[in-house]
Amino acid sequence: MQMGTFNGQEFGKEVVAIVTDYLERTLSPIAARLDAVEARLALLEAQAGATKAKPIVRIAARSGPTT
């Protein structure tokens, strides 16, 4: 029995297809749960009358040179 030559492009395509399929099957339930959580958060924010405000970032001023 003689083996054919290795085709790196075909091998790469096969690996990418397998990994892509696996990730889609594995992550789709997580994405659905995340969508549900975000929808619930938006509903709760609307009920509370909350608005999205930019966070306040405070940085201490330095009086001397940095080292």
C-alpha atoms as a PDB file:
ATOM      1  CA  MET A   1       0.000   0.000   0.000  1.00  0.00           C
ATOM      2  CA  GLN A   2       1.397   3.348  -1.026  1.00  0.00           C
ATOM      3  CA  MET A   3       0.500   6.599   0.714  1.00  0.00           C
ATOM      4  CA  GLY A   4      -0.099   9.778  -1.269  1.00  0.00           C
ATOM      5  CA  THR A   5       1.798  12.981  -0.749  1.00  0.00           C
ATOM      6  CA  PHE A   6       0.835  15.272   2.068  1.00  0.00           C
ATOM      7  CA  ASN A   7      -1.304  18.210   0.974  1.00  0.00           C
ATOM      8  CA  GLY A   8      -0.921  20.911   3.614  1.00  0.00           C
ATOM      9  CA  GLN A   9      -3.663  23.130   2.215  1.00  0.00           C
ATOM     10  CA  GLU A  10      -6.247  20.355   2.250  1.00  0.00           C
ATOM     11  CA  PHE A  11      -5.184  19.321   5.740  1.00  0.00           C
ATOM     12  CA  GLY A  12      -5.443  22.925   6.950  1.00  0.00           C
ATOM     13  CA  LYS A  13      -8.915  23.317   5.440  1.00  0.00           C
ATOM     14  CA  GLU A  14     -10.062  20.122   7.146  1.00  0.00           C
ATOM     15  CA  VAL A  15      -8.692  21.195  10.528  1.00  0.00           C
ATOM     16  CA  VAL A  16     -10.276  24.646  10.228  1.00  0.00           C
ATOM     17  CA  ALA A  17     -13.657  23.111   9.321  1.00  0.00           C
ATOM     18  CA  ILE A  18     -13.521  20.729  12.295  1.00  0.00           C
ATOM     19  CA  VAL A  19     -12.500  23.438  14.768  1.00  0.00           C
ATOM     20  CA  THR A  20     -15.075  25.911  13.417  1.00  0.00           C
ATOM     21  CA  ASP A  21     -17.852  23.328  13.723  1.00  0.00           C
ATOM     22  CA  TYR A  22     -16.777  22.433  17.250  1.00  0.00           C
ATOM     23  CA  LEU A  23     -16.644  26.068  18.377  1.00  0.00           C
ATOM     24  CA  GLU A  24     -20.040  26.862  16.858  1.00  0.00           C
ATOM     25  CA  ARG A  25     -21.646  23.863  18.602  1.00  0.00           C
ATOM     26  CA  THR A  26     -19.918  24.590  21.903  1.00  0.00           C
ATOM     27  CA  LEU A  27     -20.373  28.360  22.031  1.00  0.00           C
ATOM     28  CA  SER A  28     -23.891  28.725  20.602  1.00  0.00           C
ATOM     29  CA  PRO A  29     -25.611  27.889  23.932  1.00  0.00           C
ATOM     30  CA  ILE A  30     -23.354  30.381  25.711  1.00  0.00           C
ATOM     31  CA  ALA A  31     -24.138  33.078  23.144  1.00  0.00           C
ATOM     32  CA  ALA A  32     -27.869  32.411  23.568  1.00  0.00           C
ATOM     33  CA  ARG A  33     -27.559  32.728  27.351  1.00  0.00           C
ATOM     34  CA  LEU A  34     -25.564  35.935  26.995  1.00  0.00           C
ATOM     35  CA  ASP A  35     -28.238  37.396  24.702  1.00  0.00           C
ATOM     36  CA  ALA A  36     -30.897  36.507  27.292  1.00  0.00           C
ATOM     37  CA  VAL A  37     -28.897  38.107  30.112  1.00  0.00           C
ATOM     38  CA  GLU A  38     -28.338  41.289  28.081  1.00  0.00           C
ATOM     39  CA  ALA A  39     -32.050  41.467  27.226  1.00  0.00           C
ATOM     40  CA  ARG A  40     -32.959  41.030  30.893  1.00  0.00           C
ATOM     41  CA  LEU A  41     -30.459  43.718  31.901  1.00  0.00           C
ATOM     42  CA  ALA A  42     -31.913  46.136  29.362  1.00  0.00           C
ATOM     43  CA  LEU A  43     -35.402  45.425  30.706  1.00  0.00           C
ATOM     44  CA  LEU A  44     -34.313  45.995  34.300  1.00  0.00           C
ATOM     45  CA  GLU A  45     -32.530  49.220  33.372  1.00  0.00           C
ATOM     46  CA  ALA A  46     -35.646  50.453  31.579  1.00  0.00           C
ATOM     47  CA  GLN A  47     -37.830  49.592  34.590  1.00  0.00           C
ATOM     48  CA  ALA A  48     -35.456  51.383  36.950  1.00  0.00           C
ATOM     49  CA  GLY A  49     -35.192  54.388  34.662  1.00  0.00           C
ATOM     50  CA  ALA A  50     -31.465  53.991  34.500  1.00  0.00           C
ATOM     51  CA  THR A  51     -29.555  55.633  31.728  1.00  0.00           C
ATOM     52  CA  LYS A  52     -26.195  54.557  30.466  1.00  0.00           C
ATOM     53  CA  ALA A  53     -23.687  57.115  31.650  1.00  0.00           C
ATOM     54  CA  LYS A  54     -20.021  57.217  30.882  1.00  0.00           C
ATOM     55  CA  PRO A  55     -17.940  56.004  33.805  1.00  0.00           C
ATOM     56  CA  ILE A  56     -15.982  58.601  35.736  1.00  0.00           C
ATOM     57  CA  VAL A  57     -12.259  57.906  35.738  1.00  0.00           C
ATOM     58  CA  ARG A  58     -10.120  59.774  38.205  1.00  0.00           C
ATOM     59  CA  ILE A  59      -6.353  59.720  38.001  1.00  0.00           C
ATOM     60  CA  ALA A  60      -4.150  61.131  40.725  1.00  0.00           C
ATOM     61  CA  ALA A  61      -1.964  63.989  39.525  1.00  0.00           C
ATOM     62  CA  ARG A  62       1.760  63.603  40.003  1.00  0.00           C
ATOM     63  CA  SER A  63       3.850  66.478  41.242  1.00  0.00           C
ATOM     64  CA  GLY A  64       7.211  65.016  40.367  1.00  0.00           C
ATOM     65  CA  PRO A  65       8.815  63.202  37.478  1.00  0.00           C
ATOM     66  CA  THR A  66       7.916  59.588  36.917  1.00  0.00           C
ATOM     67  CA  THR A  67      10.561  56.929  37.364  1.00  0.00           C
END
